PDB file of N, CA and C in Angstrom:
ATOM      1  N   MET A   1      19.122 -49.771 -52.358  1.00  0.00           N
ATOM      2  CA  MET A   1      19.609 -50.882 -51.596  1.00  0.00           C
ATOM      3  C   MET A   1      18.607 -51.191 -50.493  1.00  0.00           C
ATOM      4  N   PHE A   2      18.699 -52.379 -49.948  1.00  0.00           N
ATOM      5  CA  PHE A   2      17.775 -52.831 -48.914  1.00  0.00           C
ATOM      6  C   PHE A   2      18.518 -52.930 -47.588  1.00  0.00           C
ATOM      7  N   LEU A   3      17.898 -52.399 -46.533  1.00  0.00           N
ATOM      8  CA  LEU A   3      18.498 -52.419 -45.206  1.00  0.00           C
ATOM      9  C   LEU A   3      17.550 -53.074 -44.215  1.00  0.00           C
ATOM     10  N   GLU A   4      18.122 -53.961 -43.409  1.00  0.00           N
ATOM     11  CA  GLU A   4      17.365 -54.588 -42.328  1.00  0.00           C
ATOM     12  C   GLU A   4      18.185 -54.435 -41.044  1.00  0.00           C
ATOM     13  N   ILE A   5      17.514 -53.968 -39.986  1.00  0.00           N
ATOM     14  CA  ILE A   5      18.155 -53.837 -38.685  1.00  0.00           C
ATOM     15  C   ILE A   5      17.440 -54.770 -37.723  1.00  0.00           C
ATOM     16  N   VAL A   6      18.222 -55.681 -37.134  1.00  0.00           N
ATOM     17  CA  VAL A   6      17.662 -56.741 -36.306  1.00  0.00           C
ATOM     18  C   VAL A   6      18.327 -56.733 -34.935  1.00  0.00           C
ATOM     19  N   THR A   7      17.524 -56.961 -33.895  1.00  0.00           N
ATOM     20  CA  THR A   7      18.040 -57.175 -32.542  1.00  0.00           C
ATOM     21  C   THR A   7      17.600 -58.568 -32.106  1.00  0.00           C
ATOM     22  N   PRO A   8      18.084 -59.051 -30.974  1.00  0.00           N
ATOM     23  CA  PRO A   8      17.607 -60.358 -30.492  1.00  0.00           C
ATOM     24  C   PRO A   8      16.102 -60.375 -30.222  1.00  0.00           C
ATOM     25  N   GLU A   9      15.523 -59.208 -29.972  1.00  0.00           N
ATOM     26  CA  GLU A   9      14.095 -59.142 -29.646  1.00  0.00           C
ATOM     27  C   GLU A   9      13.187 -58.953 -30.852  1.00  0.00           C
ATOM     28  N   ALA A  10      13.647 -58.206 -31.889  1.00  0.00           N
ATOM     29  CA  ALA A  10      12.734 -57.854 -32.977  1.00  0.00           C
ATOM     30  C   ALA A  10      13.484 -57.340 -34.199  1.00  0.00           C
ATOM     31  N   VAL A  11      12.763 -57.281 -35.308  1.00  0.00           N
ATOM     32  CA  VAL A  11      13.247 -56.586 -36.496  1.00  0.00           C
ATOM     33  C   VAL A  11      12.833 -55.125 -36.322  1.00  0.00           C
ATOM     34  N   LEU A  12      13.812 -54.229 -36.218  1.00  0.00           N
ATOM     35  CA  LEU A  12      13.514 -52.823 -35.968  1.00  0.00           C
ATOM     36  C   LEU A  12      13.250 -52.038 -37.234  1.00  0.00           C
ATOM     37  N   PHE A  13      13.854 -52.462 -38.338  1.00  0.00           N
ATOM     38  CA  PHE A  13      13.718 -51.722 -39.593  1.00  0.00           C
ATOM     39  C   PHE A  13      13.940 -52.678 -40.740  1.00  0.00           C
ATOM     40  N   SER A  14      13.133 -52.537 -41.784  1.00  0.00           N
ATOM     41  CA  SER A  14      13.273 -53.367 -42.971  1.00  0.00           C
ATOM     42  C   SER A  14      12.670 -52.612 -44.143  1.00  0.00           C
ATOM     43  N   SER A  15      13.527 -52.045 -45.008  1.00  0.00           N
ATOM     44  CA  SER A  15      13.016 -51.235 -46.110  1.00  0.00           C
ATOM     45  C   SER A  15      14.126 -50.920 -47.104  1.00  0.00           C
ATOM     46  N   LYS A  16      13.721 -50.481 -48.270  1.00  0.00           N
ATOM     47  CA  LYS A  16      14.647 -49.962 -49.264  1.00  0.00           C
ATOM     48  C   LYS A  16      15.083 -48.576 -48.799  1.00  0.00           C
ATOM     49  N   VAL A  17      16.383 -48.262 -48.932  1.00  0.00           N
ATOM     50  CA  VAL A  17      16.927 -46.977 -48.502  1.00  0.00           C
ATOM     51  C   VAL A  17      17.827 -46.404 -49.596  1.00  0.00           C
ATOM     52  N   ASP A  18      18.088 -45.094 -49.515  1.00  0.00           N
ATOM     53  CA  ASP A  18      19.013 -44.458 -50.450  1.00  0.00           C
ATOM     54  C   ASP A  18      20.457 -44.689 -50.024  1.00  0.00           C
ATOM     55  N   SER A  19      20.719 -44.518 -48.732  1.00  0.00           N
ATOM     56  CA  SER A  19      22.042 -44.757 -48.164  1.00  0.00           C
ATOM     57  C   SER A  19      21.896 -44.806 -46.650  1.00  0.00           C
ATOM     58  N   PHE A  20      22.973 -45.175 -45.969  1.00  0.00           N
ATOM     59  CA  PHE A  20      22.963 -45.153 -44.510  1.00  0.00           C
ATOM     60  C   PHE A  20      24.387 -45.070 -44.007  1.00  0.00           C
ATOM     61  N   SER A  21      24.533 -44.580 -42.787  1.00  0.00           N
ATOM     62  CA  SER A  21      25.850 -44.526 -42.156  1.00  0.00           C
ATOM     63  C   SER A  21      25.774 -45.215 -40.808  1.00  0.00           C
ATOM     64  N   VAL A  22      26.911 -45.786 -40.411  1.00  0.00           N
ATOM     65  CA  VAL A  22      26.980 -46.572 -39.174  1.00  0.00           C
ATOM     66  C   VAL A  22      28.216 -46.171 -38.383  1.00  0.00           C
ATOM     67  N   PRO A  23      28.187 -46.387 -37.048  1.00  0.00           N
ATOM     68  CA  PRO A  23      29.346 -46.066 -36.218  1.00  0.00           C
ATOM     69  C   PRO A  23      30.345 -47.227 -36.165  1.00  0.00           C
ATOM     70  N   GLY A  24      31.306 -47.207 -37.048  1.00  0.00           N
ATOM     71  CA  GLY A  24      32.328 -48.251 -37.059  1.00  0.00           C
ATOM     72  C   GLY A  24      33.326 -48.056 -35.929  1.00  0.00           C
ATOM     73  N   ILE A  25      34.112 -49.067 -35.659  1.00  0.00           N
ATOM     74  CA  ILE A  25      35.063 -48.970 -34.552  1.00  0.00           C
ATOM     75  C   ILE A  25      36.165 -47.945 -34.831  1.00  0.00           C
ATOM     76  N   ASP A  26      36.413 -47.618 -36.092  1.00  0.00           N
ATOM     77  CA  ASP A  26      37.397 -46.590 -36.448  1.00  0.00           C
ATOM     78  C   ASP A  26      36.731 -45.291 -36.906  1.00  0.00           C
ATOM     79  N   GLY A  27      35.440 -45.146 -36.664  1.00  0.00           N
ATOM     80  CA  GLY A  27      34.712 -43.943 -37.058  1.00  0.00           C
ATOM     81  C   GLY A  27      33.504 -44.261 -37.908  1.00  0.00           C
ATOM     82  N   GLU A  28      32.689 -43.244 -38.121  1.00  0.00           N
ATOM     83  CA  GLU A  28      31.458 -43.406 -38.899  1.00  0.00           C
ATOM     84  C   GLU A  28      31.804 -43.626 -40.372  1.00  0.00           C
ATOM     85  N   PHE A  29      31.062 -44.541 -41.026  1.00  0.00           N
ATOM     86  CA  PHE A  29      31.216 -44.712 -42.463  1.00  0.00           C
ATOM     87  C   PHE A  29      29.863 -44.904 -43.115  1.00  0.00           C
ATOM     88  N   GLN A  30      29.795 -44.538 -44.391  1.00  0.00           N
ATOM     89  CA  GLN A  30      28.534 -44.524 -45.128  1.00  0.00           C
ATOM     90  C   GLN A  30      28.521 -45.591 -46.212  1.00  0.00           C
ATOM     91  N   MET A  31      27.346 -46.167 -46.424  1.00  0.00           N
ATOM     92  CA  MET A  31      27.133 -47.150 -47.475  1.00  0.00           C
ATOM     93  C   MET A  31      26.195 -46.545 -48.521  1.00  0.00           C
ATOM     94  N   LEU A  32      26.604 -46.619 -49.765  1.00  0.00           N
ATOM     95  CA  LEU A  32      25.793 -46.144 -50.881  1.00  0.00           C
ATOM     96  C   LEU A  32      25.407 -47.332 -51.749  1.00  0.00           C
ATOM     97  N   ASN A  33      24.502 -47.109 -52.677  1.00  0.00           N
ATOM     98  CA  ASN A  33      24.077 -48.149 -53.600  1.00  0.00           C
ATOM     99  C   ASN A  33      25.291 -48.701 -54.356  1.00  0.00           C
ATOM    100  N   ASN A  34      25.336 -49.999 -54.561  1.00  0.00           N
ATOM    101  CA  ASN A  34      26.420 -50.700 -55.260  1.00  0.00           C
ATOM    102  C   ASN A  34      27.763 -50.620 -54.539  1.00  0.00           C
ATOM    103  N   HIS A  35      27.727 -50.458 -53.226  1.00  0.00           N
ATOM    104  CA  HIS A  35      28.949 -50.434 -52.405  1.00  0.00           C
ATOM    105  C   HIS A  35      29.595 -51.821 -52.431  1.00  0.00           C
ATOM    106  N   ALA A  36      30.894 -51.857 -52.293  1.00  0.00           N
ATOM    107  CA  ALA A  36      31.612 -53.128 -52.210  1.00  0.00           C
ATOM    108  C   ALA A  36      31.143 -53.898 -50.973  1.00  0.00           C
ATOM    109  N   ALA A  37      31.282 -55.203 -51.016  1.00  0.00           N
ATOM    110  CA  ALA A  37      30.875 -56.038 -49.885  1.00  0.00           C
ATOM    111  C   ALA A  37      31.658 -55.651 -48.633  1.00  0.00           C
ATOM    112  N   VAL A  38      30.958 -55.650 -47.493  1.00  0.00           N
ATOM    113  CA  VAL A  38      31.562 -55.232 -46.226  1.00  0.00           C
ATOM    114  C   VAL A  38      31.048 -56.121 -45.104  1.00  0.00           C
ATOM    115  N   VAL A  39      31.939 -56.463 -44.185  1.00  0.00           N
ATOM    116  CA  VAL A  39      31.571 -57.051 -42.899  1.00  0.00           C
ATOM    117  C   VAL A  39      32.369 -56.268 -41.870  1.00  0.00           C
ATOM    118  N   SER A  40      31.686 -55.705 -40.860  1.00  0.00           N
ATOM    119  CA  SER A  40      32.387 -54.860 -39.896  1.00  0.00           C
ATOM    120  C   SER A  40      31.715 -54.927 -38.534  1.00  0.00           C
ATOM    121  N   VAL A  41      32.507 -54.626 -37.518  1.00  0.00           N
ATOM    122  CA  VAL A  41      32.010 -54.505 -36.143  1.00  0.00           C
ATOM    123  C   VAL A  41      31.596 -53.063 -35.919  1.00  0.00           C
ATOM    124  N   LEU A  42      30.499 -52.861 -35.192  1.00  0.00           N
ATOM    125  CA  LEU A  42      30.004 -51.524 -34.896  1.00  0.00           C
ATOM    126  C   LEU A  42      30.150 -51.231 -33.412  1.00  0.00           C
ATOM    127  N   LYS A  43      30.335 -49.954 -33.097  1.00  0.00           N
ATOM    128  CA  LYS A  43      30.426 -49.542 -31.699  1.00  0.00           C
ATOM    129  C   LYS A  43      29.194 -48.707 -31.341  1.00  0.00           C
ATOM    130  N   GLU A  44      29.134 -48.279 -30.104  1.00  0.00           N
ATOM    131  CA  GLU A  44      28.004 -47.459 -29.660  1.00  0.00           C
ATOM    132  C   GLU A  44      27.951 -46.172 -30.469  1.00  0.00           C
ATOM    133  N   GLY A  45      26.756 -45.825 -30.912  1.00  0.00           N
ATOM    134  CA  GLY A  45      26.576 -44.618 -31.709  1.00  0.00           C
ATOM    135  C   GLY A  45      25.225 -44.615 -32.385  1.00  0.00           C
ATOM    136  N   THR A  46      25.143 -43.904 -33.497  1.00  0.00           N
ATOM    137  CA  THR A  46      23.875 -43.708 -34.190  1.00  0.00           C
ATOM    138  C   THR A  46      23.951 -44.213 -35.622  1.00  0.00           C
ATOM    139  N   VAL A  47      22.964 -45.017 -36.003  1.00  0.00           N
ATOM    140  CA  VAL A  47      22.781 -45.413 -37.392  1.00  0.00           C
ATOM    141  C   VAL A  47      21.905 -44.337 -38.028  1.00  0.00           C
ATOM    142  N   LYS A  48      22.342 -43.774 -39.154  1.00  0.00           N
ATOM    143  CA  LYS A  48      21.581 -42.743 -39.864  1.00  0.00           C
ATOM    144  C   LYS A  48      21.123 -43.321 -41.194  1.00  0.00           C
ATOM    145  N   ILE A  49      19.811 -43.336 -41.389  1.00  0.00           N
ATOM    146  CA  ILE A  49      19.216 -43.933 -42.581  1.00  0.00           C
ATOM    147  C   ILE A  49      18.660 -42.819 -43.463  1.00  0.00           C
ATOM    148  N   HIS A  50      19.200 -42.694 -44.672  1.00  0.00           N
ATOM    149  CA  HIS A  50      18.774 -41.657 -45.607  1.00  0.00           C
ATOM    150  C   HIS A  50      17.741 -42.252 -46.566  1.00  0.00           C
ATOM    151  N   MET A  51      16.561 -41.624 -46.585  1.00  0.00           N
ATOM    152  CA  MET A  51      15.474 -42.131 -47.424  1.00  0.00           C
ATOM    153  C   MET A  51      14.931 -41.017 -48.305  1.00  0.00           C
ATOM    154  N   ASN A  52      14.477 -41.398 -49.482  1.00  0.00           N
ATOM    155  CA  ASN A  52      13.873 -40.428 -50.390  1.00  0.00           C
ATOM    156  C   ASN A  52      12.486 -40.031 -49.901  1.00  0.00           C
ATOM    157  N   THR A  53      11.758 -40.988 -49.368  1.00  0.00           N
ATOM    158  CA  THR A  53      10.426 -40.724 -48.825  1.00  0.00           C
ATOM    159  C   THR A  53      10.158 -41.676 -47.667  1.00  0.00           C
ATOM    160  N   LEU A  54       9.349 -41.224 -46.740  1.00  0.00           N
ATOM    161  CA  LEU A  54       8.991 -42.048 -45.589  1.00  0.00           C
ATOM    162  C   LEU A  54       7.557 -42.551 -45.668  1.00  0.00           C
ATOM    163  N   GLU A  55       6.868 -42.229 -46.754  1.00  0.00           N
ATOM    164  CA  GLU A  55       5.440 -42.524 -46.873  1.00  0.00           C
ATOM    165  C   GLU A  55       5.109 -44.000 -46.754  1.00  0.00           C
ATOM    166  N   HIS A  56       5.961 -44.876 -47.257  1.00  0.00           N
ATOM    167  CA  HIS A  56       5.654 -46.308 -47.267  1.00  0.00           C
ATOM    168  C   HIS A  56       5.952 -47.003 -45.939  1.00  0.00           C
ATOM    169  N   LEU A  57       6.575 -46.302 -45.003  1.00  0.00           N
ATOM    170  CA  LEU A  57       6.929 -46.925 -43.730  1.00  0.00           C
ATOM    171  C   LEU A  57       5.771 -46.862 -42.744  1.00  0.00           C
ATOM    172  N   LYS A  58       5.669 -47.895 -41.931  1.00  0.00           N
ATOM    173  CA  LYS A  58       4.678 -47.921 -40.863  1.00  0.00           C
ATOM    174  C   LYS A  58       5.346 -47.353 -39.619  1.00  0.00           C
ATOM    175  N   MET A  59       5.379 -46.035 -39.528  1.00  0.00           N
ATOM    176  CA  MET A  59       6.132 -45.382 -38.466  1.00  0.00           C
ATOM    177  C   MET A  59       5.549 -45.639 -37.083  1.00  0.00           C
ATOM    178  N   ASP A  60       4.274 -45.957 -36.982  1.00  0.00           N
ATOM    179  CA  ASP A  60       3.700 -46.231 -35.664  1.00  0.00           C
ATOM    180  C   ASP A  60       4.363 -47.450 -35.022  1.00  0.00           C
ATOM    181  N   VAL A  61       4.771 -48.405 -35.832  1.00  0.00           N
ATOM    182  CA  VAL A  61       5.440 -49.598 -35.329  1.00  0.00           C
ATOM    183  C   VAL A  61       6.884 -49.281 -34.933  1.00  0.00           C
ATOM    184  N   MET A  62       7.543 -48.397 -35.686  1.00  0.00           N
ATOM    185  CA  MET A  62       8.951 -48.117 -35.477  1.00  0.00           C
ATOM    186  C   MET A  62       9.221 -46.916 -34.575  1.00  0.00           C
ATOM    187  N   ASN A  63       8.199 -46.168 -34.182  1.00  0.00           N
ATOM    188  CA  ASN A  63       8.409 -44.929 -33.438  1.00  0.00           C
ATOM    189  C   ASN A  63       9.216 -45.090 -32.162  1.00  0.00           C
ATOM    190  N   LYS A  64       9.071 -46.193 -31.464  1.00  0.00           N
ATOM    191  CA  LYS A  64       9.810 -46.329 -30.213  1.00  0.00           C
ATOM    192  C   LYS A  64      11.291 -46.614 -30.440  1.00  0.00           C
ATOM    193  N   TYR A  65      11.686 -46.923 -31.664  1.00  0.00           N
ATOM    194  CA  TYR A  65      13.084 -47.196 -31.969  1.00  0.00           C
ATOM    195  C   TYR A  65      13.726 -46.095 -32.825  1.00  0.00           C
ATOM    196  N   LEU A  66      13.029 -45.658 -33.860  1.00  0.00           N
ATOM    197  CA  LEU A  66      13.585 -44.705 -34.821  1.00  0.00           C
ATOM    198  C   LEU A  66      13.077 -43.293 -34.561  1.00  0.00           C
ATOM    199  N   GLU A  67      13.954 -42.327 -34.826  1.00  0.00           N
ATOM    200  CA  GLU A  67      13.579 -40.926 -34.692  1.00  0.00           C
ATOM    201  C   GLU A  67      13.953 -40.195 -35.970  1.00  0.00           C
ATOM    202  N   ALA A  68      13.189 -39.165 -36.317  1.00  0.00           N
ATOM    203  CA  ALA A  68      13.553 -38.315 -37.446  1.00  0.00           C
ATOM    204  C   ALA A  68      14.729 -37.439 -37.033  1.00  0.00           C
ATOM    205  N   HIS A  69      15.649 -37.214 -37.947  1.00  0.00           N
ATOM    206  CA  HIS A  69      16.819 -36.375 -37.689  1.00  0.00           C
ATOM    207  C   HIS A  69      16.360 -34.944 -37.425  1.00  0.00           C
ATOM    208  N   ILE A  70      17.084 -34.226 -36.587  1.00  0.00           N
ATOM    209  CA  ILE A  70      16.716 -32.857 -36.210  1.00  0.00           C
ATOM    210  C   ILE A  70      16.693 -31.923 -37.419  1.00  0.00           C
ATOM    211  N   VAL A  71      17.659 -32.062 -38.327  1.00  0.00           N
ATOM    212  CA  VAL A  71      17.795 -31.149 -39.454  1.00  0.00           C
ATOM    213  C   VAL A  71      16.986 -31.590 -40.671  1.00  0.00           C
ATOM    214  N   ASP A  72      16.920 -32.884 -40.929  1.00  0.00           N
ATOM    215  CA  ASP A  72      16.288 -33.401 -42.151  1.00  0.00           C
ATOM    216  C   ASP A  72      15.350 -34.546 -41.786  1.00  0.00           C
ATOM    217  N   ASP A  73      14.059 -34.374 -42.047  1.00  0.00           N
ATOM    218  CA  ASP A  73      13.091 -35.407 -41.668  1.00  0.00           C
ATOM    219  C   ASP A  73      13.112 -36.622 -42.583  1.00  0.00           C
ATOM    220  N   LYS A  74      13.929 -36.616 -43.630  1.00  0.00           N
ATOM    221  CA  LYS A  74      14.088 -37.805 -44.478  1.00  0.00           C
ATOM    222  C   LYS A  74      15.266 -38.659 -44.032  1.00  0.00           C
ATOM    223  N   ILE A  75      15.831 -38.305 -42.888  1.00  0.00           N
ATOM    224  CA  ILE A  75      16.893 -39.104 -42.274  1.00  0.00           C
ATOM    225  C   ILE A  75      16.347 -39.643 -40.960  1.00  0.00           C
ATOM    226  N   LEU A  76      16.365 -40.960 -40.829  1.00  0.00           N
ATOM    227  CA  LEU A  76      15.955 -41.608 -39.589  1.00  0.00           C
ATOM    228  C   LEU A  76      17.192 -41.989 -38.805  1.00  0.00           C
ATOM    229  N   THR A  77      17.114 -41.906 -37.489  1.00  0.00           N
ATOM    230  CA  THR A  77      18.253 -42.267 -36.652  1.00  0.00           C
ATOM    231  C   THR A  77      17.851 -43.361 -35.672  1.00  0.00           C
ATOM    232  N   LEU A  78      18.824 -44.189 -35.349  1.00  0.00           N
ATOM    233  CA  LEU A  78      18.629 -45.269 -34.398  1.00  0.00           C
ATOM    234  C   LEU A  78      19.894 -45.395 -33.554  1.00  0.00           C
ATOM    235  N   ALA A  79      19.765 -45.268 -32.240  1.00  0.00           N
ATOM    236  CA  ALA A  79      20.903 -45.418 -31.339  1.00  0.00           C
ATOM    237  C   ALA A  79      21.153 -46.901 -31.094  1.00  0.00           C
ATOM    238  N   ILE A  80      22.433 -47.299 -31.189  1.00  0.00           N
ATOM    239  CA  ILE A  80      22.807 -48.684 -30.898  1.00  0.00           C
ATOM    240  C   ILE A  80      23.937 -48.690 -29.875  1.00  0.00           C
ATOM    241  N   LYS A  81      24.072 -49.790 -29.160  1.00  0.00           N
ATOM    242  CA  LYS A  81      25.166 -49.954 -28.198  1.00  0.00           C
ATOM    243  C   LYS A  81      26.357 -50.651 -28.838  1.00  0.00           C
ATOM    244  N   SER A  82      26.069 -51.593 -29.747  1.00  0.00           N
ATOM    245  CA  SER A  82      27.108 -52.313 -30.484  1.00  0.00           C
ATOM    246  C   SER A  82      26.426 -53.122 -31.571  1.00  0.00           C
ATOM    247  N   GLY A  83      27.225 -53.794 -32.386  1.00  0.00           N
ATOM    248  CA  GLY A  83      26.627 -54.639 -33.412  1.00  0.00           C
ATOM    249  C   GLY A  83      27.616 -55.042 -34.478  1.00  0.00           C
ATOM    250  N   THR A  84      27.069 -55.643 -35.521  1.00  0.00           N
ATOM    251  CA  THR A  84      27.848 -56.010 -36.706  1.00  0.00           C
ATOM    252  C   THR A  84      27.014 -55.674 -37.930  1.00  0.00           C
ATOM    253  N   ILE A  85      27.700 -55.468 -39.037  1.00  0.00           N
ATOM    254  CA  ILE A  85      27.015 -55.190 -40.294  1.00  0.00           C
ATOM    255  C   ILE A  85      27.595 -56.084 -41.378  1.00  0.00           C
ATOM    256  N   GLU A  86      26.712 -56.546 -42.236  1.00  0.00           N
ATOM    257  CA  GLU A  86      27.125 -57.271 -43.439  1.00  0.00           C
ATOM    258  C   GLU A  86      26.392 -56.646 -44.606  1.00  0.00           C
ATOM    259  N   LEU A  87      27.135 -56.270 -45.639  1.00  0.00           N
ATOM    260  CA  LEU A  87      26.557 -55.711 -46.862  1.00  0.00           C
ATOM    261  C   LEU A  87      27.082 -56.512 -48.032  1.00  0.00           C
ATOM    262  N   LYS A  88      26.167 -57.003 -48.841  1.00  0.00           N
ATOM    263  CA  LYS A  88      26.538 -57.765 -50.032  1.00  0.00           C
ATOM    264  C   LYS A  88      25.412 -57.656 -51.039  1.00  0.00           C
ATOM    265  N   ASP A  89      25.744 -57.380 -52.285  1.00  0.00           N
ATOM    266  CA  ASP A  89      24.776 -57.312 -53.373  1.00  0.00           C
ATOM    267  C   ASP A  89      23.607 -56.386 -53.051  1.00  0.00           C
ATOM    268  N   ASN A  90      23.912 -55.194 -52.512  1.00  0.00           N
ATOM    269  CA  ASN A  90      22.915 -54.166 -52.197  1.00  0.00           C
ATOM    270  C   ASN A  90      21.901 -54.599 -51.146  1.00  0.00           C
ATOM    271  N   LYS A  91      22.256 -55.560 -50.294  1.00  0.00           N
ATOM    272  CA  LYS A  91      21.426 -55.915 -49.153  1.00  0.00           C
ATOM    273  C   LYS A  91      22.308 -55.859 -47.911  1.00  0.00           C
ATOM    274  N   ALA A  92      21.877 -55.036 -46.946  1.00  0.00           N
ATOM    275  CA  ALA A  92      22.632 -54.878 -45.707  1.00  0.00           C
ATOM    276  C   ALA A  92      21.811 -55.377 -44.535  1.00  0.00           C
ATOM    277  N   ILE A  93      22.498 -56.059 -43.631  1.00  0.00           N
ATOM    278  CA  ILE A  93      21.872 -56.522 -42.387  1.00  0.00           C
ATOM    279  C   ILE A  93      22.724 -56.026 -41.240  1.00  0.00           C
ATOM    280  N   ILE A  94      22.082 -55.298 -40.338  1.00  0.00           N
ATOM    281  CA  ILE A  94      22.741 -54.840 -39.123  1.00  0.00           C
ATOM    282  C   ILE A  94      22.176 -55.658 -37.970  1.00  0.00           C
ATOM    283  N   LEU A  95      23.051 -56.362 -37.251  1.00  0.00           N
ATOM    284  CA  LEU A  95      22.682 -57.069 -36.040  1.00  0.00           C
ATOM    285  C   LEU A  95      23.091 -56.167 -34.891  1.00  0.00           C
ATOM    286  N   ALA A  96      22.119 -55.589 -34.196  1.00  0.00           N
ATOM    287  CA  ALA A  96      22.403 -54.551 -33.208  1.00  0.00           C
ATOM    288  C   ALA A  96      21.961 -54.953 -31.802  1.00  0.00           C
ATOM    289  N   ASP A  97      22.624 -54.326 -30.843  1.00  0.00           N
ATOM    290  CA  ASP A  97      22.237 -54.429 -29.439  1.00  0.00           C
ATOM    291  C   ASP A  97      21.709 -53.093 -28.989  1.00  0.00           C
TER     292      ASP A  97
END
């Protein structure tokens, strides 16, 4: 699936991913490939992006926003204050603050 994370200032992330989890208003939830369509509000928390490999990413551009997970370096994390997510046809867009 394809994930794009956008703020009013910049596109923070744009790449194919294996899965990701987001901080929903009723708790964290995960999106997998071929997930049903979703539109949801997000609260303050961490977006966790699960990737098979990080080789194709330009991490120098994303370093100030994304961090490797403490336990697994194939999981990237991004702290958000709030946002919305839309997932449809294996393309997800997170509008984050």
